[in-house]
Structures are given as C-alpha cells and as structure tokens.
Amino acid sequence: MKNLFKRIITLTMTLMIVLAVAAPAFAANEDAAGADVQTEQTVENTEAATDNAIGAKGIAAGICVGLAAAGGAIGMGLTSAKSTDSIARQPETSGEVRTTMMLGLVFIETAIIYALVVAILIIFVL
C-alpha cells in the first residue's frame, strides 16, 4: 500500500511539474512559434494578447509557489513526524535530533522562498 501511495504521489508531482514547465509554451504568441507571415493586429488584439500573457504568467507563478508550498509542507510534516518518533524512542538524544530537525526545516523553507523569488521574477521580469 505504501509503495502504491508513493507511486501516486510521484506521478502527481511529475505531472504538476510538467504542466508548470509547459505553461510558458502555451502562452507563446504566433511570432514566437515561428510564423512566417506577420498579420496586422488591431489595438484590441494586441491588448488581448498582452492580457493573455499576463494571465499565463500569473498561472505559472501560482503553480510554482503552490508546488513548492505543497512539497515543503509534506517534507516538514514528515520531518516533524520522524523526529518526534525518534525522540520518543530515545529521549536522551532529543537535543541532537531537535537540532538536526531544525536545520532540515530551514533548508526546506529556503527552497520554498527560492520558489517565491522565481514566481516574482516570472511575474515582473518575463
């Protein structure tokens, strides 16, 4: 049962990552896709294309932060559960286990913050 659960989680996370990476490709306009003929666009069409690109950036940033937060939450939950289990089995090592757990939680939180920075870059720079 655990093996099946791990496979489902892995497949779901892989699918989410693929969709997050593919989002900019769906947001590309005709010129970026290599269209040979340039058509005249009216002001409304240009504004609509700009709005679509902004919307795609927002979706990509939301998926980026959402995946990072979900992965971080799962990692933090597992870390806390395992460290509590370890302290319950050997109370004399609680200081070392707690220190190691806090260091691991800091690294997990750092990865989430990096994802937030990437999302902000997607919105404001691209």
N, C-alpha and C. Protein backbone atom coordinates (compact mmCIF):
# COMPACT_ATOMS: atom_id res chain seq x y z
N MET A 1 0.83 -1.19 0.00
CA MET A 1 0.00 0.00 0.00
C MET A 1 0.88 1.26 0.00
N LYS A 2 1.97 1.22 0.81
CA LYS A 2 2.86 2.38 0.85
C LYS A 2 3.51 2.61 -0.51
N ASN A 3 3.88 1.52 -1.17
CA ASN A 3 4.52 1.63 -2.47
C ASN A 3 3.57 2.25 -3.49
N LEU A 4 2.32 1.85 -3.46
CA LEU A 4 1.31 2.42 -4.37
C LEU A 4 1.11 3.90 -4.08
N PHE A 5 1.05 4.27 -2.80
CA PHE A 5 0.89 5.67 -2.42
C PHE A 5 2.07 6.50 -2.91
N LYS A 6 3.29 5.98 -2.77
CA LYS A 6 4.47 6.70 -3.25
C LYS A 6 4.44 6.87 -4.76
N ARG A 7 3.99 5.85 -5.47
CA ARG A 7 3.91 5.96 -6.92
C ARG A 7 2.89 7.01 -7.35
N ILE A 8 1.75 7.03 -6.66
CA ILE A 8 0.71 8.01 -6.99
C ILE A 8 1.22 9.42 -6.73
N ILE A 9 1.87 9.63 -5.60
CA ILE A 9 2.42 10.96 -5.27
C ILE A 9 3.48 11.35 -6.29
N THR A 10 4.36 10.42 -6.65
CA THR A 10 5.41 10.71 -7.62
C THR A 10 4.82 11.06 -8.98
N LEU A 11 3.83 10.31 -9.41
CA LEU A 11 3.19 10.59 -10.69
C LEU A 11 2.48 11.94 -10.68
N THR A 12 1.80 12.25 -9.58
CA THR A 12 1.10 13.53 -9.47
C THR A 12 2.08 14.70 -9.49
N MET A 13 3.16 14.58 -8.74
CA MET A 13 4.15 15.66 -8.70
C MET A 13 4.82 15.83 -10.07
N THR A 14 5.11 14.72 -10.74
CA THR A 14 5.72 14.80 -12.06
C THR A 14 4.79 15.49 -13.05
N LEU A 15 3.52 15.14 -12.99
CA LEU A 15 2.54 15.77 -13.87
C LEU A 15 2.42 17.26 -13.59
N MET A 16 2.43 17.65 -12.34
CA MET A 16 2.34 19.08 -11.99
C MET A 16 3.57 19.83 -12.48
N ILE A 17 4.74 19.23 -12.35
CA ILE A 17 5.96 19.88 -12.80
C ILE A 17 5.95 20.04 -14.32
N VAL A 18 5.51 19.00 -15.03
CA VAL A 18 5.45 19.09 -16.49
C VAL A 18 4.47 20.18 -16.91
N LEU A 19 3.33 20.27 -16.26
CA LEU A 19 2.37 21.32 -16.60
C LEU A 19 2.92 22.70 -16.28
N ALA A 20 3.65 22.82 -15.18
CA ALA A 20 4.23 24.12 -14.83
C ALA A 20 5.29 24.55 -15.85
N VAL A 21 6.07 23.60 -16.32
CA VAL A 21 7.11 23.92 -17.29
C VAL A 21 6.48 24.22 -18.66
N ALA A 22 5.37 23.57 -18.97
CA ALA A 22 4.75 23.75 -20.28
C ALA A 22 3.90 25.02 -20.37
N ALA A 23 3.58 25.64 -19.26
CA ALA A 23 2.71 26.82 -19.26
C ALA A 23 3.25 27.96 -20.14
N PRO A 24 4.55 28.29 -20.09
CA PRO A 24 5.03 29.35 -20.98
C PRO A 24 4.90 29.00 -22.47
N ALA A 25 4.98 27.72 -22.81
CA ALA A 25 4.84 27.33 -24.21
C ALA A 25 3.42 27.61 -24.71
N PHE A 26 2.43 27.41 -23.84
CA PHE A 26 1.06 27.70 -24.23
C PHE A 26 0.82 29.20 -24.32
N ALA A 27 1.63 29.99 -23.64
CA ALA A 27 1.45 31.43 -23.63
C ALA A 27 2.15 32.12 -24.80
N ALA A 28 2.93 31.39 -25.58
CA ALA A 28 3.69 31.98 -26.69
C ALA A 28 2.73 32.44 -27.79
N ASN A 29 3.10 33.58 -28.40
CA ASN A 29 2.27 34.09 -29.49
C ASN A 29 2.73 33.51 -30.83
N GLU A 30 2.10 33.91 -31.90
CA GLU A 30 2.41 33.35 -33.22
C GLU A 30 3.85 33.64 -33.64
N ASP A 31 4.34 34.85 -33.36
CA ASP A 31 5.68 35.22 -33.79
C ASP A 31 6.72 34.35 -33.10
N ALA A 32 6.53 34.05 -31.85
CA ALA A 32 7.49 33.24 -31.12
C ALA A 32 7.44 31.79 -31.59
N ALA A 33 6.32 31.35 -32.13
CA ALA A 33 6.17 29.98 -32.59
C ALA A 33 6.75 29.79 -33.99
N GLY A 34 7.22 30.86 -34.61
CA GLY A 34 7.88 30.74 -35.91
C GLY A 34 6.96 30.96 -37.09
N ALA A 35 5.94 31.74 -36.93
CA ALA A 35 5.03 32.01 -38.04
C ALA A 35 5.77 32.87 -39.06
N ASP A 36 5.63 32.52 -40.33
CA ASP A 36 6.33 33.25 -41.39
C ASP A 36 5.63 34.54 -41.78
N VAL A 37 4.33 34.53 -41.73
CA VAL A 37 3.56 35.67 -42.19
C VAL A 37 3.12 36.48 -40.98
N GLN A 38 3.46 37.76 -41.00
CA GLN A 38 3.02 38.62 -39.90
C GLN A 38 1.70 39.27 -40.31
N THR A 39 0.75 39.17 -39.43
CA THR A 39 -0.55 39.76 -39.72
C THR A 39 -0.68 41.08 -38.98
N GLU A 40 -1.53 41.92 -39.52
CA GLU A 40 -1.78 43.19 -38.86
C GLU A 40 -2.71 42.94 -37.69
N GLN A 41 -2.29 43.43 -36.57
CA GLN A 41 -3.13 43.26 -35.38
C GLN A 41 -3.70 44.62 -35.00
N THR A 42 -4.94 44.59 -34.62
CA THR A 42 -5.56 45.82 -34.15
C THR A 42 -5.17 46.06 -32.71
N VAL A 43 -5.53 47.20 -32.20
CA VAL A 43 -5.20 47.55 -30.83
C VAL A 43 -5.85 46.58 -29.85
N GLU A 44 -7.09 46.17 -30.16
CA GLU A 44 -7.78 45.23 -29.26
C GLU A 44 -7.07 43.89 -29.23
N ASN A 45 -6.61 43.40 -30.39
CA ASN A 45 -5.91 42.12 -30.44
C ASN A 45 -4.59 42.18 -29.68
N THR A 46 -3.89 43.31 -29.79
CA THR A 46 -2.64 43.47 -29.07
C THR A 46 -2.89 43.49 -27.57
N GLU A 47 -3.92 44.20 -27.15
CA GLU A 47 -4.25 44.23 -25.73
C GLU A 47 -4.69 42.86 -25.23
N ALA A 48 -5.43 42.12 -26.05
CA ALA A 48 -5.86 40.78 -25.67
C ALA A 48 -4.67 39.85 -25.53
N ALA A 49 -3.71 39.97 -26.43
CA ALA A 49 -2.52 39.13 -26.36
C ALA A 49 -1.70 39.46 -25.11
N THR A 50 -1.61 40.75 -24.79
CA THR A 50 -0.90 41.16 -23.58
C THR A 50 -1.61 40.65 -22.33
N ASP A 51 -2.94 40.74 -22.32
CA ASP A 51 -3.69 40.23 -21.18
C ASP A 51 -3.52 38.72 -21.02
N ASN A 52 -3.49 37.99 -22.14
CA ASN A 52 -3.29 36.55 -22.09
C ASN A 52 -1.92 36.20 -21.54
N ALA A 53 -0.89 36.97 -21.95
CA ALA A 53 0.46 36.70 -21.46
C ALA A 53 0.55 36.98 -19.96
N ILE A 54 -0.09 38.05 -19.53
CA ILE A 54 -0.08 38.38 -18.10
C ILE A 54 -0.81 37.30 -17.31
N GLY A 55 -1.92 36.82 -17.84
CA GLY A 55 -2.66 35.76 -17.18
C GLY A 55 -1.85 34.47 -17.09
N ALA A 56 -1.14 34.14 -18.17
CA ALA A 56 -0.31 32.93 -18.17
C ALA A 56 0.83 33.05 -17.16
N LYS A 57 1.39 34.25 -17.06
CA LYS A 57 2.44 34.46 -16.06
C LYS A 57 1.90 34.27 -14.66
N GLY A 58 0.70 34.78 -14.42
CA GLY A 58 0.09 34.61 -13.10
C GLY A 58 -0.18 33.15 -12.78
N ILE A 59 -0.66 32.41 -13.77
CA ILE A 59 -0.91 30.98 -13.56
C ILE A 59 0.40 30.24 -13.30
N ALA A 60 1.43 30.54 -14.08
CA ALA A 60 2.72 29.88 -13.88
C ALA A 60 3.30 30.19 -12.51
N ALA A 61 3.19 31.44 -12.08
CA ALA A 61 3.71 31.82 -10.76
C ALA A 61 2.92 31.13 -9.65
N GLY A 62 1.61 31.06 -9.82
CA GLY A 62 0.78 30.38 -8.82
C GLY A 62 1.10 28.91 -8.71
N ILE A 63 1.30 28.25 -9.85
CA ILE A 63 1.66 26.83 -9.83
C ILE A 63 3.03 26.64 -9.19
N CYS A 64 3.96 27.53 -9.50
CA CYS A 64 5.32 27.44 -8.94
C CYS A 64 5.28 27.53 -7.42
N VAL A 65 4.62 28.52 -6.89
CA VAL A 65 4.56 28.69 -5.43
C VAL A 65 3.72 27.58 -4.80
N GLY A 66 2.64 27.18 -5.47
CA GLY A 66 1.79 26.12 -4.92
C GLY A 66 2.52 24.80 -4.82
N LEU A 67 3.27 24.43 -5.85
CA LEU A 67 4.04 23.18 -5.80
C LEU A 67 5.12 23.24 -4.72
N ALA A 68 5.79 24.37 -4.63
CA ALA A 68 6.83 24.49 -3.61
C ALA A 68 6.24 24.42 -2.21
N ALA A 69 5.13 25.09 -2.00
CA ALA A 69 4.50 25.07 -0.67
C ALA A 69 3.98 23.68 -0.33
N ALA A 70 3.39 23.00 -1.31
CA ALA A 70 2.87 21.65 -1.06
C ALA A 70 4.02 20.68 -0.76
N GLY A 71 5.06 20.74 -1.57
CA GLY A 71 6.22 19.87 -1.32
C GLY A 71 6.89 20.18 0.01
N GLY A 72 7.01 21.47 0.32
CA GLY A 72 7.60 21.86 1.60
C GLY A 72 6.75 21.41 2.78
N ALA A 73 5.43 21.52 2.64
CA ALA A 73 4.54 21.10 3.73
C ALA A 73 4.65 19.60 3.97
N ILE A 74 4.70 18.84 2.88
CA ILE A 74 4.86 17.38 3.03
C ILE A 74 6.20 17.06 3.68
N GLY A 75 7.26 17.72 3.21
CA GLY A 75 8.58 17.49 3.79
C GLY A 75 8.66 17.87 5.26
N MET A 76 8.07 19.01 5.61
CA MET A 76 8.09 19.44 7.00
C MET A 76 7.28 18.49 7.89
N GLY A 77 6.15 18.03 7.38
CA GLY A 77 5.33 17.09 8.15
C GLY A 77 6.06 15.78 8.40
N LEU A 78 6.70 15.26 7.35
CA LEU A 78 7.45 14.02 7.51
C LEU A 78 8.64 14.20 8.45
N THR A 79 9.32 15.33 8.34
CA THR A 79 10.45 15.60 9.22
C THR A 79 10.02 15.67 10.67
N SER A 80 8.94 16.39 10.93
CA SER A 80 8.45 16.51 12.30
C SER A 80 8.00 15.15 12.84
N ALA A 81 7.32 14.37 12.02
CA ALA A 81 6.85 13.06 12.47
C ALA A 81 8.01 12.13 12.80
N LYS A 82 8.99 12.10 11.93
CA LYS A 82 10.12 11.20 12.16
C LYS A 82 10.97 11.65 13.35
N SER A 83 11.14 12.94 13.51
CA SER A 83 11.93 13.41 14.66
C SER A 83 11.20 13.16 15.97
N THR A 84 9.89 13.34 15.99
CA THR A 84 9.11 13.05 17.19
C THR A 84 9.18 11.56 17.51
N ASP A 85 9.09 10.73 16.49
CA ASP A 85 9.21 9.28 16.68
C ASP A 85 10.58 8.93 17.24
N SER A 86 11.61 9.56 16.71
CA SER A 86 12.98 9.29 17.16
C SER A 86 13.18 9.72 18.61
N ILE A 87 12.64 10.88 18.97
CA ILE A 87 12.77 11.36 20.35
C ILE A 87 11.99 10.45 21.30
N ALA A 88 10.84 9.94 20.85
CA ALA A 88 10.05 9.04 21.69
C ALA A 88 10.80 7.72 21.94
N ARG A 89 11.54 7.26 20.94
CA ARG A 89 12.28 6.01 21.11
C ARG A 89 13.54 6.18 21.95
N GLN A 90 14.24 7.30 21.76
CA GLN A 90 15.47 7.56 22.51
C GLN A 90 15.46 8.99 23.04
N PRO A 91 14.87 9.19 24.22
CA PRO A 91 14.75 10.56 24.75
C PRO A 91 16.10 11.23 25.04
N GLU A 92 17.14 10.45 25.26
CA GLU A 92 18.43 11.05 25.59
C GLU A 92 19.08 11.76 24.40
N THR A 93 18.63 11.47 23.20
CA THR A 93 19.19 12.14 22.01
C THR A 93 18.29 13.27 21.51
N SER A 94 17.40 13.75 22.36
CA SER A 94 16.43 14.74 21.90
C SER A 94 17.10 16.04 21.43
N GLY A 95 18.17 16.46 22.08
CA GLY A 95 18.85 17.69 21.68
C GLY A 95 19.44 17.61 20.28
N GLU A 96 20.11 16.50 20.00
CA GLU A 96 20.71 16.32 18.68
C GLU A 96 19.65 16.18 17.59
N VAL A 97 18.60 15.42 17.91
CA VAL A 97 17.54 15.22 16.93
C VAL A 97 16.83 16.54 16.64
N ARG A 98 16.56 17.31 17.68
CA ARG A 98 15.88 18.58 17.50
C ARG A 98 16.73 19.55 16.67
N THR A 99 18.03 19.58 16.94
CA THR A 99 18.92 20.47 16.19
C THR A 99 18.96 20.07 14.71
N THR A 100 19.07 18.79 14.46
CA THR A 100 19.11 18.31 13.08
C THR A 100 17.78 18.58 12.38
N MET A 101 16.67 18.39 13.11
CA MET A 101 15.36 18.66 12.52
C MET A 101 15.22 20.13 12.15
N MET A 102 15.63 21.01 13.03
CA MET A 102 15.50 22.44 12.75
C MET A 102 16.36 22.85 11.55
N LEU A 103 17.54 22.26 11.44
CA LEU A 103 18.40 22.56 10.29
C LEU A 103 17.74 22.08 9.00
N GLY A 104 17.14 20.90 9.02
CA GLY A 104 16.42 20.39 7.85
C GLY A 104 15.23 21.26 7.50
N LEU A 105 14.50 21.72 8.51
CA LEU A 105 13.35 22.59 8.25
C LEU A 105 13.77 23.92 7.63
N VAL A 106 14.92 24.42 8.06
CA VAL A 106 15.44 25.67 7.48
C VAL A 106 15.74 25.47 5.99
N PHE A 107 16.35 24.33 5.63
CA PHE A 107 16.65 24.08 4.22
C PHE A 107 15.37 23.93 3.40
N ILE A 108 14.37 23.28 3.97
CA ILE A 108 13.10 23.13 3.26
C ILE A 108 12.46 24.51 3.04
N GLU A 109 12.47 25.34 4.07
CA GLU A 109 11.87 26.67 3.96
C GLU A 109 12.64 27.53 2.96
N THR A 110 13.96 27.35 2.88
CA THR A 110 14.76 28.09 1.92
C THR A 110 14.35 27.73 0.49
N ALA A 111 14.08 26.47 0.24
CA ALA A 111 13.64 26.05 -1.10
C ALA A 111 12.31 26.70 -1.44
N ILE A 112 11.42 26.82 -0.47
CA ILE A 112 10.13 27.46 -0.71
C ILE A 112 10.32 28.94 -1.01
N ILE A 113 11.21 29.58 -0.31
CA ILE A 113 11.48 31.00 -0.55
C ILE A 113 12.08 31.20 -1.94
N TYR A 114 12.96 30.28 -2.37
CA TYR A 114 13.51 30.37 -3.72
C TYR A 114 12.40 30.26 -4.76
N ALA A 115 11.44 29.39 -4.53
CA ALA A 115 10.30 29.27 -5.45
C ALA A 115 9.50 30.57 -5.49
N LEU A 116 9.35 31.22 -4.35
CA LEU A 116 8.64 32.50 -4.31
C LEU A 116 9.41 33.56 -5.11
N VAL A 117 10.72 33.56 -5.00
CA VAL A 117 11.54 34.52 -5.76
C VAL A 117 11.40 34.24 -7.26
N VAL A 118 11.40 32.97 -7.64
CA VAL A 118 11.22 32.62 -9.05
C VAL A 118 9.86 33.08 -9.55
N ALA A 119 8.83 32.90 -8.73
CA ALA A 119 7.49 33.34 -9.12
C ALA A 119 7.44 34.85 -9.30
N ILE A 120 8.08 35.58 -8.42
CA ILE A 120 8.11 37.04 -8.54
C ILE A 120 8.87 37.44 -9.82
N LEU A 121 9.96 36.74 -10.12
CA LEU A 121 10.70 37.02 -11.36
C LEU A 121 9.85 36.72 -12.59
N ILE A 122 9.07 35.65 -12.53
CA ILE A 122 8.20 35.32 -13.66
C ILE A 122 7.21 36.44 -13.90
N ILE A 123 6.63 36.96 -12.83
CA ILE A 123 5.60 37.99 -12.97
C ILE A 123 6.18 39.31 -13.47
N PHE A 124 7.29 39.76 -12.86
CA PHE A 124 7.76 41.11 -13.13
C PHE A 124 8.85 41.22 -14.19
N VAL A 125 9.61 40.17 -14.45
CA VAL A 125 10.72 40.26 -15.40
C VAL A 125 10.37 39.70 -16.76
N LEU A 126 9.73 38.55 -16.80
CA LEU A 126 9.43 37.93 -18.10
C LEU A 126 8.31 38.63 -18.81
